[in-house]
């Protein structure tokens, strides 16, 4: 009887240890995801600023005149 109780206690201890390790793994994954989300938010803010600058440049170009660049001659595309 004593051995059965001991085996059950050890089995529960092993299950608790596995669950603890899995919980620690999930917490590290969540930290990595939070770090990645903050990086993406910073990149998004930088890209938004760049987009706003580009839009303002386009608006000033539209008022100045022609919006499209000149077309290059076909001779410029030849491989030498």
Protein backbone atom coordinates (compact mmCIF):
# COMPACT_ATOMS: atom_id res chain seq x y z
CA UNK A 1 0.00 0.00 0.00
CA UNK A 2 2.81 2.37 0.88
CA UNK A 3 4.44 1.83 -2.53
CA UNK A 4 1.21 2.63 -4.37
CA UNK A 5 0.85 5.93 -2.52
CA UNK A 6 4.51 6.72 -3.18
CA UNK A 7 4.12 5.97 -6.90
CA UNK A 8 1.00 8.17 -7.11
CA UNK A 9 2.79 11.00 -5.29
CA UNK A 10 5.79 10.77 -7.64
CA UNK A 11 3.51 10.66 -10.67
CA UNK A 12 1.69 13.80 -9.50
CA UNK A 13 5.03 15.46 -8.85
CA UNK A 14 6.15 14.65 -12.41
CA UNK A 15 2.91 15.97 -13.89
CA UNK A 16 3.26 19.18 -11.86
CA UNK A 17 6.89 19.59 -13.02
CA UNK A 18 5.93 19.12 -16.68
CA UNK A 19 3.09 21.64 -16.36
CA UNK A 20 5.43 24.11 -14.67
CA UNK A 21 8.03 23.77 -17.45
CA UNK A 22 5.33 24.19 -20.09
CA UNK A 23 3.98 27.28 -18.33
CA UNK A 24 7.48 28.81 -18.24
CA UNK A 25 7.89 28.05 -21.96
CA UNK A 26 4.58 29.74 -22.77
CA UNK A 27 5.55 32.80 -20.74
CA UNK A 28 8.79 33.15 -22.71
CA UNK A 29 6.84 32.85 -25.98
CA UNK A 30 4.44 35.56 -24.82
CA UNK A 31 7.39 37.84 -23.94
CA UNK A 32 8.89 37.28 -27.40
CA UNK A 33 5.55 38.07 -29.04
CA UNK A 34 5.18 41.27 -27.00
CA UNK A 35 8.70 42.31 -27.98
CA UNK A 36 7.93 41.64 -31.66
CA UNK A 37 4.64 43.57 -31.47
CA UNK A 38 6.43 46.60 -30.00
CA UNK A 39 9.04 46.39 -32.80
CA UNK A 40 6.28 46.25 -35.40
CA UNK A 41 4.52 49.21 -33.81
CA UNK A 42 7.75 51.27 -33.98
CA UNK A 43 8.25 50.29 -37.62
CA UNK A 44 4.62 51.16 -38.35
CA UNK A 45 5.05 54.60 -36.80
CA UNK A 46 8.20 55.24 -38.85
CA UNK A 47 6.50 54.10 -42.04
CA UNK A 48 3.46 56.24 -41.28
CA UNK A 49 5.69 59.29 -40.93
CA UNK A 50 7.43 58.46 -44.19
CA UNK A 51 4.06 58.04 -45.90
CA UNK A 52 2.84 61.39 -44.60
CA UNK A 53 6.04 63.07 -45.83
CA UNK A 54 5.65 61.44 -49.23
CA UNK A 55 2.01 62.48 -49.46
CA UNK A 56 2.91 66.06 -48.60
CA UNK A 57 5.65 66.01 -51.25
CA UNK A 58 3.19 64.67 -53.79
CA UNK A 59 0.72 67.40 -52.95
CA UNK A 60 3.38 70.06 -53.43
CA UNK A 61 4.48 68.41 -56.70
CA UNK A 62 0.91 68.44 -57.98
CA UNK A 63 0.70 72.15 -57.40
CA UNK A 64 4.10 72.74 -59.01
CA UNK A 65 3.24 71.02 -62.23
CA UNK A 66 4.05 67.68 -63.76
CA UNK A 67 3.88 64.71 -61.40
CA UNK A 68 5.46 61.98 -63.52
CA UNK A 69 9.21 61.74 -64.23
CA UNK A 70 10.53 61.83 -67.74
CA UNK A 71 10.79 58.54 -69.59
CA UNK A 72 14.35 57.33 -70.20
CA UNK A 73 15.55 56.40 -73.68
CA UNK A 74 15.58 52.71 -74.51
CA UNK A 75 19.35 52.91 -75.04
CA UNK A 76 19.79 53.30 -71.28
CA UNK A 77 18.35 49.81 -70.67
CA UNK A 78 20.81 47.90 -72.86
CA UNK A 79 23.16 45.49 -71.15
CA UNK A 80 26.75 46.30 -71.87
